């Protein structure tokens, strides 16, 4: 039985686990995916010409340590740079405005991971052992109390009959998924030290808070083009474009400019993120290929015909891409032994970046448990 189990191995869950482990707690992290990081995601694509082309299809980049948009990330940013995980991305930033006019904008120094953004999650998970303290492929489906009358903790049931037991539990997954998991738990277990009526009210309040959180979805297209291409208006060495006028594309970049170009036959890759409204149309559609084609053609019209004719492409659906309406605290404490958090916790501003909110929420969840001892 663990001191603390953390459900979710995104930035919030990994940060929470790292803080608690450093404080001497016996911690277990579990996640439904085989990989780590949640939106800090890198896909490895095997092509006809090359194996394991790395493409970042989640987090676009990491803000610099002096960034005005994520100042509280600075200590972690500096640590990741010093460890060689992050390097500065030599990229030209543009905005696409009326009449397809490209305006160069000062985005400030931004950073990417040398081996793909998922390397950040792997770094944060150092000290956790796969299949022991780090359990991937564990999708939590039910949460129930375990001998709480005798000071016991939580029983987390997962797919395939897997079970994790812990004195305390942190739920670091998207708010709608956290709400679904809490509905499997008896209401009296969510506030064991109060009356049944108060416990019911506490559970109702927690669920209402979680369900009030809303997200913008996103579709992400990854496309490869072999050794070409002529970049036209764009800087061939590295570019990213925020589309302020289109109805389908929100942001696109030359993702291969993040990697080493020493290979004699480098793979040219681009990544396209959709606007929320466009993604919403396809959110529950089984076949996303038509959506990918629309996004590729839209970018081809603006930047070059070659974009519509990739050697290969893939598309990924992010149902919980960006928080639209956050919870106004750094963490949601349900009881002394149960806390929720994630990028959906943004006490300072609704405009705070998801990445900073996730990091601060991970710290807040850890501090909640430390204070209760």
Foldseek 3Di string as FASTA:
>chain_A
DFAEEEEAQALLRLLLQLVQVVVPGGYAYEYQAPAGHVLLDWDFDCDPVHGGDIFRFGDPFAAACPDPQFVVCNVVNVVCVVVQQKDWQPAFEWEQDPPRDTDTDPPDTTIAGQNGSSVSSVVSCPPADEPPRYDYSWAFQEKEADPVVVQAQIWTAGPPRDIDGHSFYEYADQLVVVLNHLVRYPQCVLAVVDDPVVSVVLNVVSSVLSVVWDAFKKKKKKFKAKQDDPFVPGDPLWYKYAYPPDQWFGIKIFRQSSYDPPDPTDITMMMTITGRVLLVVCVPPPDCVVSNLVRQVVVCVSTNVCSNPGPDMDMDIGRHRGIQAARQALWARRYLRYIYHALSHHNPDSSRGSSSSSSSSSVVVSVSNVVSD
